[in-house]
Protein backbone atom coordinates (compact mmCIF):
# COMPACT_ATOMS: atom_id res chain seq x y z
CA UNK A 1 122.63 267.98 141.94
CA UNK A 2 124.80 265.64 139.96
CA UNK A 3 123.34 264.48 136.67
CA UNK A 4 124.12 261.82 134.14
CA UNK A 5 124.11 262.84 130.50
CA UNK A 6 123.33 260.21 127.87
CA UNK A 7 123.84 261.29 124.27
CA UNK A 8 122.33 259.41 121.36
CA UNK A 9 124.53 257.74 118.81
CA UNK A 10 123.69 260.34 116.13
CA UNK A 11 126.72 262.20 114.72
CA UNK A 12 127.23 265.93 115.30
CA UNK A 13 126.26 267.69 112.05
CA UNK A 14 127.46 271.25 111.16
CA UNK A 15 124.75 273.58 109.89
CA UNK A 16 125.24 274.89 106.34
CA UNK A 17 124.35 278.39 105.16
CA UNK A 18 122.29 279.70 102.27
CA UNK A 19 124.97 278.97 99.68
CA UNK A 20 125.71 275.61 101.24
CA UNK A 21 128.78 277.00 103.03
CA UNK A 22 129.74 275.53 106.39
CA UNK A 23 128.87 277.65 109.45
CA UNK A 24 130.03 277.52 113.05
CA UNK A 25 126.65 276.24 114.19
CA UNK A 26 126.70 272.51 114.95
CA UNK A 27 123.60 270.35 115.38
CA UNK A 28 124.27 267.89 118.14
CA UNK A 29 122.43 264.67 118.95
CA UNK A 30 119.61 264.51 121.41
CA UNK A 31 120.78 264.05 124.98
CA UNK A 32 119.01 262.72 128.02
CA UNK A 33 119.71 264.32 131.38
CA UNK A 34 118.89 262.36 134.53
CA UNK A 35 119.38 263.26 138.21
CA UNK A 36 122.23 261.41 139.90
CA UNK A 37 120.30 259.27 142.43
CA UNK A 38 120.73 255.68 143.60
CA UNK A 39 117.45 254.63 141.99
CA UNK A 40 118.38 256.30 138.72
CA UNK A 41 121.80 254.65 138.77
CA UNK A 42 120.09 251.31 139.29
CA UNK A 43 117.67 251.95 136.42
CA UNK A 44 120.46 253.11 134.12
CA UNK A 45 122.54 250.06 135.00
CA UNK A 46 119.54 247.83 134.31
CA UNK A 47 118.96 249.61 131.02
CA UNK A 48 122.56 249.15 129.99
CA UNK A 49 122.35 245.52 131.06
CA UNK A 50 119.20 245.00 128.95
CA UNK A 51 120.83 246.66 125.95
CA UNK A 52 123.88 244.45 126.39
CA UNK A 53 121.63 241.40 126.71
CA UNK A 54 119.74 242.38 123.54
CA UNK A 55 123.02 242.81 121.67
CA UNK A 56 124.19 239.40 122.87
CA UNK A 57 120.85 237.80 121.92
CA UNK A 58 121.00 239.43 118.49
CA UNK A 59 124.55 238.17 118.01
CA UNK A 60 123.46 234.69 119.15
CA UNK A 61 120.48 234.79 116.77
CA UNK A 62 122.70 235.79 113.87
CA UNK A 63 125.20 233.12 114.83
CA UNK A 64 122.42 230.47 114.90
CA UNK A 65 121.02 231.72 111.58
CA UNK A 66 124.47 231.52 110.05
CA UNK A 67 124.94 228.05 111.49
CA UNK A 68 121.52 226.92 110.19
CA UNK A 69 122.26 228.40 106.78
CA UNK A 70 125.58 226.57 106.65
CA UNK A 71 123.90 223.34 107.76
CA UNK A 72 121.15 223.84 105.15
CA UNK A 73 123.71 224.39 102.42
CA UNK A 74 125.58 221.31 103.60
CA UNK A 75 122.35 219.26 103.54
CA UNK A 76 121.57 220.53 100.05
CA UNK A 77 125.06 219.64 98.90
CA UNK A 78 124.82 216.20 100.51
CA UNK A 79 121.38 215.67 98.95
CA UNK A 80 122.68 216.79 95.58
CA UNK A 81 125.61 214.40 95.88
CA UNK A 82 123.25 211.60 96.94
CA UNK A 83 120.98 212.28 93.96
CA UNK A 84 123.97 212.27 91.65
CA UNK A 85 125.17 209.00 93.16
CA UNK A 86 121.71 207.46 92.82
CA UNK A 87 121.41 208.69 89.24
CA UNK A 88 124.82 207.29 88.48
CA UNK A 89 123.82 203.99 90.08
CA UNK A 90 120.55 203.94 88.11
CA UNK A 91 122.42 204.67 84.91
CA UNK A 92 124.81 201.82 85.64
CA UNK A 93 121.91 199.48 86.41
CA UNK A 94 120.05 200.63 83.29
CA UNK A 95 123.10 200.02 81.10
CA UNK A 96 123.55 196.63 82.69
CA UNK A 97 119.86 195.85 82.16
CA UNK A 98 120.02 196.94 78.54
CA UNK A 99 123.12 194.82 77.97
CA UNK A 100 121.37 191.83 79.53
CA UNK A 101 118.30 192.39 77.37
CA UNK A 102 120.36 192.72 74.20
CA UNK A 103 122.22 189.54 75.08
CA UNK A 104 118.97 187.68 75.82
CA UNK A 105 117.41 188.83 72.55
CA UNK A 106 119.86 186.55 70.78
CA UNK A 107 118.04 183.53 72.24
CA UNK A 108 116.20 181.73 69.42
CA UNK A 109 113.29 180.68 71.63
CA UNK A 110 112.74 184.24 72.85
CA UNK A 111 112.95 185.63 69.32
CA UNK A 112 110.38 183.12 68.09
CA UNK A 113 107.87 183.85 70.87
CA UNK A 114 108.44 187.61 70.54
CA UNK A 115 107.75 187.40 66.82
CA UNK A 116 104.54 185.44 67.49
CA UNK A 117 103.41 188.13 69.93
CA UNK A 118 104.12 190.93 67.48
CA UNK A 119 102.28 189.13 64.66
CA UNK A 120 99.31 188.18 66.90
CA UNK A 121 99.84 184.48 66.34
CA UNK A 122 99.93 183.46 70.01
CA UNK A 123 97.21 181.24 71.55
CA UNK A 124 94.29 182.99 73.24
CA UNK A 125 95.39 181.49 76.57
CA UNK A 126 99.15 181.87 77.00
CA UNK A 127 101.41 181.02 79.93
CA UNK A 128 105.01 182.18 80.26
CA UNK A 129 105.47 180.76 83.74
CA UNK A 130 106.05 177.23 82.48
CA UNK A 131 108.55 178.23 79.82
CA UNK A 132 112.30 178.33 80.41
CA UNK A 133 112.46 182.13 80.30
CA UNK A 134 114.56 184.24 82.62
CA UNK A 135 113.29 187.33 84.40
CA UNK A 136 115.02 189.55 81.83
CA UNK A 137 113.47 187.64 78.92
CA UNK A 138 109.97 187.90 80.39
CA UNK A 139 110.53 191.63 80.87
CA UNK A 140 111.39 191.93 77.18
CA UNK A 141 108.29 189.93 76.19
CA UNK A 142 106.00 192.02 78.39
CA UNK A 143 107.38 195.37 77.30
CA UNK A 144 108.02 194.75 73.60
CA UNK A 145 105.72 191.86 72.69
CA UNK A 146 102.50 192.26 74.66
CA UNK A 147 101.88 196.01 74.71
CA UNK A 148 99.74 195.92 71.55
CA UNK A 149 99.11 192.19 71.21
CA UNK A 150 95.54 191.35 70.16
CA UNK A 151 95.56 187.55 70.20
CA UNK A 152 96.11 186.84 73.92
CA UNK A 153 93.03 187.18 76.13
CA UNK A 154 94.31 185.24 79.19
CA UNK A 155 97.96 185.63 80.27
CA UNK A 156 99.67 183.62 83.01
CA UNK A 157 102.79 185.23 84.53
CA UNK A 158 102.49 183.52 87.91
CA UNK A 159 105.71 182.70 89.77
CA UNK A 160 107.75 184.21 86.94
CA UNK A 161 110.31 185.80 89.27
CA UNK A 162 109.16 189.33 88.50
CA UNK A 163 110.39 191.98 90.94
CA UNK A 164 109.82 195.62 91.85
CA UNK A 165 111.64 196.85 88.74
CA UNK A 166 109.44 194.69 86.47
CA UNK A 167 106.09 195.82 87.90
CA UNK A 168 105.98 199.16 86.03
CA UNK A 169 106.58 197.32 82.72
CA UNK A 170 103.60 195.03 83.39
CA UNK A 171 101.47 198.04 84.37
CA UNK A 172 102.50 199.91 81.21
CA UNK A 173 101.46 196.88 79.17
CA UNK A 174 98.00 197.01 80.80
CA UNK A 175 97.66 200.66 79.80
CA UNK A 176 98.07 199.94 76.10
CA UNK A 177 96.77 196.36 75.70
CA UNK A 178 93.03 196.38 74.94
CA UNK A 179 92.56 192.65 74.28
CA UNK A 180 93.70 191.10 77.57
CA UNK A 181 90.81 189.93 79.76
CA UNK A 182 92.55 187.88 82.48
CA UNK A 183 96.02 188.37 84.01
CA UNK A 184 97.61 186.06 86.59
CA UNK A 185 100.59 187.53 88.52
CA UNK A 186 100.43 185.27 91.57
CA UNK A 187 103.67 184.69 93.46
CA UNK A 188 105.77 187.56 92.11
CA UNK A 189 107.60 190.09 94.29
CA UNK A 190 106.24 193.57 93.69
CA UNK A 191 106.28 196.58 96.03
CA UNK A 192 105.17 200.17 96.43
CA UNK A 193 106.56 201.44 93.11
CA UNK A 194 104.79 198.60 91.27
CA UNK A 195 101.56 199.30 93.17
CA UNK A 196 101.67 202.97 92.10
CA UNK A 197 102.15 201.88 88.49
CA UNK A 198 99.25 199.39 88.73
CA UNK A 199 97.08 202.13 90.19
CA UNK A 200 97.57 204.30 87.10
CA UNK A 201 96.95 201.30 84.84
CA UNK A 202 93.68 200.37 86.59
CA UNK A 203 92.46 203.95 86.30
CA UNK A 204 92.56 203.81 82.48
CA UNK A 205 92.14 200.10 81.61
CA UNK A 206 88.50 199.12 81.12
CA UNK A 207 88.94 195.78 79.30
CA UNK A 208 90.64 193.64 81.96
CA UNK A 209 88.07 191.53 83.83
CA UNK A 210 90.18 189.34 86.14
CA UNK A 211 93.41 190.16 88.00
CA UNK A 212 95.25 187.76 90.31
CA UNK A 213 97.92 189.36 92.53
CA UNK A 214 97.92 186.74 95.26
CA UNK A 215 101.07 186.75 97.43
CA UNK A 216 102.71 189.62 95.52
CA UNK A 217 104.33 191.46 98.47
CA UNK A 218 102.48 194.73 97.92
CA UNK A 219 102.67 195.32 101.68
CA UNK A 220 106.39 194.41 101.95
CA UNK A 221 105.40 191.39 104.04
CA UNK A 222 103.04 193.42 106.22
CA UNK A 223 105.43 196.27 107.04
CA UNK A 224 103.83 198.84 104.74
CA UNK A 225 100.19 199.19 103.61
CA UNK A 226 100.81 201.97 101.08
CA UNK A 227 100.93 199.47 98.22
CA UNK A 228 97.41 198.20 98.93
CA UNK A 229 96.22 201.79 99.40
CA UNK A 230 97.57 202.65 95.93
CA UNK A 231 95.83 199.62 94.39
CA UNK A 232 92.59 200.64 96.10
CA UNK A 233 92.83 204.15 94.62
CA UNK A 234 93.12 202.64 91.15
CA UNK A 235 90.23 200.27 91.88
CA UNK A 236 88.07 203.22 92.90
CA UNK A 237 88.15 204.63 89.34
CA UNK A 238 88.25 201.31 87.46
CA UNK A 239 85.22 200.51 85.28
CA UNK A 240 86.00 197.03 83.96
CA UNK A 241 87.45 194.68 86.59
CA UNK A 242 85.06 191.98 87.85
CA UNK A 243 87.35 189.66 89.81
CA UNK A 244 90.34 190.64 92.01
CA UNK A 245 92.44 188.19 94.02
CA UNK A 246 94.38 189.75 96.93
CA UNK A 247 94.95 186.59 98.96
CA UNK A 248 97.95 186.35 101.28
CA UNK A 249 99.23 189.93 100.97
CA UNK A 250 99.39 190.70 104.72
CA UNK A 251 96.66 193.33 104.42
CA UNK A 252 95.60 194.81 107.77
CA UNK A 253 92.73 197.14 108.68
CA UNK A 254 94.47 200.17 107.14
CA UNK A 255 94.49 198.45 103.76
CA UNK A 256 90.97 197.15 104.42
CA UNK A 257 89.67 200.68 105.00
CA UNK A 258 91.20 201.72 101.67
CA UNK A 259 89.45 198.79 99.93
CA UNK A 260 86.11 199.73 101.51
CA UNK A 261 86.55 203.32 100.34
CA UNK A 262 87.30 202.04 96.83
CA UNK A 263 84.28 199.72 96.73
CA UNK A 264 82.00 202.50 97.96
CA UNK A 265 82.63 204.17 94.58
CA UNK A 266 83.28 201.10 92.41
CA UNK A 267 80.11 199.47 91.01
CA UNK A 268 81.63 196.79 88.78
CA UNK A 269 83.80 194.56 91.01
CA UNK A 270 81.73 191.54 92.08
CA UNK A 271 84.38 189.11 93.37
CA UNK A 272 87.17 190.04 95.81
CA UNK A 273 89.31 187.42 97.55
CA UNK A 274 91.02 188.80 100.68
CA UNK A 275 91.47 185.53 102.54
CA UNK A 276 94.70 184.80 104.45
CA UNK A 277 95.12 188.46 105.38
CA UNK A 278 94.84 190.31 108.72
CA UNK A 279 91.43 191.94 108.32
CA UNK A 280 88.95 192.26 111.17
CA UNK A 281 85.52 190.63 111.07
CA UNK A 282 83.83 194.04 110.82
CA UNK A 283 85.83 195.00 107.74
CA UNK A 284 85.19 191.64 106.11
CA UNK A 285 81.46 192.09 106.73
CA UNK A 286 81.50 195.56 105.16
CA UNK A 287 83.40 194.27 102.13
CA UNK A 288 80.91 191.43 101.79
CA UNK A 289 77.97 193.84 101.85
CA UNK A 290 79.53 196.07 99.20
CA UNK A 291 80.25 193.08 96.97
CA UNK A 292 76.66 191.87 97.40
CA UNK A 293 75.48 195.32 96.32
CA UNK A 294 77.67 195.14 93.21
CA UNK A 295 76.47 191.60 92.43
CA UNK A 296 72.85 192.77 92.66
CA UNK A 297 73.64 195.66 90.32
CA UNK A 298 75.41 193.25 87.97
CA UNK A 299 72.37 190.94 87.93
CA UNK A 300 70.11 193.91 87.20
CA UNK A 301 72.33 194.96 84.32
CA UNK A 302 72.37 191.42 82.95
CA UNK A 303 68.58 191.17 83.21
CA UNK A 304 68.22 194.50 81.46
CA UNK A 305 70.63 193.37 78.74
CA UNK A 306 68.68 190.11 78.40
CA UNK A 307 65.41 192.02 78.00
CA UNK A 308 67.04 194.27 75.43
CA UNK A 309 68.34 191.24 73.54
CA UNK A 310 64.88 189.63 73.62
CA UNK A 311 63.29 192.88 72.44
CA UNK A 312 65.86 193.09 69.66
CA UNK A 313 65.19 189.49 68.66
CA UNK A 314 61.43 190.18 68.66
CA UNK A 315 61.94 193.29 66.55
CA UNK A 316 64.21 191.36 64.21
CA UNK A 317 61.56 188.63 63.89
CA UNK A 318 58.86 191.20 63.13
CA UNK A 319 61.15 192.84 60.62
CA UNK A 320 61.89 189.47 59.04
CA UNK A 321 58.14 188.72 58.71
CA UNK A 322 57.51 192.17 57.30
CA UNK A 323 60.31 191.76 54.77
CA UNK A 324 58.94 188.35 53.82
CA UNK A 325 55.53 189.94 53.15
CA UNK A 326 57.17 192.72 51.18
CA UNK A 327 59.16 190.19 49.18
CA UNK A 328 56.05 188.09 48.55
CA UNK A 329 54.16 191.17 47.42
CA UNK A 330 57.04 192.13 45.16
CA UNK A 331 57.13 188.65 43.64
CA UNK A 332 53.35 188.71 43.14
CA UNK A 333 53.45 192.13 41.48
CA UNK A 334 56.38 191.13 39.29
CA UNK A 335 54.56 187.90 38.31
CA UNK A 336 51.41 189.82 37.40
CA UNK A 337 53.48 192.28 35.40
CA UNK A 338 55.26 189.47 33.56
CA UNK A 339 51.91 187.83 32.74
CA UNK A 340 50.49 191.13 31.49
CA UNK A 341 53.49 191.68 29.28
CA UNK A 342 53.24 188.10 28.02
CA UNK A 343 49.53 188.58 27.18
CA UNK A 344 50.23 191.81 25.37
CA UNK A 345 53.04 190.17 23.45
CA UNK A 346 50.83 187.20 22.56
CA UNK A 347 48.10 189.57 21.41
CA UNK A 348 50.54 191.53 19.25
CA UNK A 349 51.98 188.32 17.82
CA UNK A 350 48.48 187.01 16.99
CA UNK A 351 47.52 190.32 15.47
CA UNK A 352 50.65 190.33 13.32
CA UNK A 353 50.02 186.74 12.26
CA UNK A 354 46.39 187.55 11.25
CA UNK A 355 47.64 190.52 9.29
CA UNK A 356 50.11 188.35 7.42
CA UNK A 357 47.37 185.79 6.64
CA UNK A 358 45.08 188.49 5.20
CA UNK A 359 47.86 189.79 3.00
CA UNK A 360 48.54 186.23 1.77
CA UNK A 361 44.89 185.65 0.80
CA UNK A 362 44.77 188.96 -1.10
CA UNK A 363 47.77 187.96 -3.23
CA UNK A 364 46.16 184.58 -4.14
CA UNK A 365 42.94 186.26 -5.39
CA UNK A 366 44.89 188.48 -7.73
């Protein structure tokens, strides 16, 4: 019977002796011996075909891996170049912005107002929107003049031409300014980056009571709700804001759901204006119910504070009456003590005078 012999790929290895010398005995690889039949030939051919297919698939896999690795490296290089280009562009814009700011600082009107802000000599209610300031000048005032100002409690920056690059400066000012109570930003052109900055500011600011961001493009004219979602996250942790105006910001139900989630945790906001947006009736009803809950809580707090003030006034009145009695008693005791001392002094004076008279009469008799 004819047979096929298949030998493994292992090398023939000569056997070494006791002293590691080479002998004539050779260890050969394992062989497979099959009978030479048609079925066996077919199986062997199929086996060889499978092995060839596996080798081709392995080569294809390695080729694809190499291609993917080269593409990944190319993407990383392109991304690195893009980041470098963006950084270079940002550096150019930053230098240009700094040059513009330095040039604008030479303006006498800006220098005067900036000095007033730094020295806390500004009016309590200040508006920069009506002044002839450029966007760059307002940015300088916000960043350098208002961060630690203590004299302004209501600031109007409405329709000041502020843009996405100015929003973070305004938000940074809110982080550090502890005197500002009302801020009007209506009609400026902010975006997602500004909304993220305002979120962080609202999370830490607990002195601002009123914020107007009507028509401020936080949704990029309705194309993106992430800006409103970011504001809602900041509102969720805020402890001071009472009034928020979000009119005409193209807020849809996605942004409305974020506001409802924020108000479910926020207990201080009592007024929220979301008119001229794209919210459903159901969402508006839920917002209204949450605001009513906050208003009821606010009224309870105010009533409790009123009772505490009345109790304090009553205690102060009782203390005042008590102190009046104590003072009257002190005056009475001091008066009695002064009269006693006066009587004793009068008695001593009279006694001394009588003694002098007796001595005078004794001298006359002699």
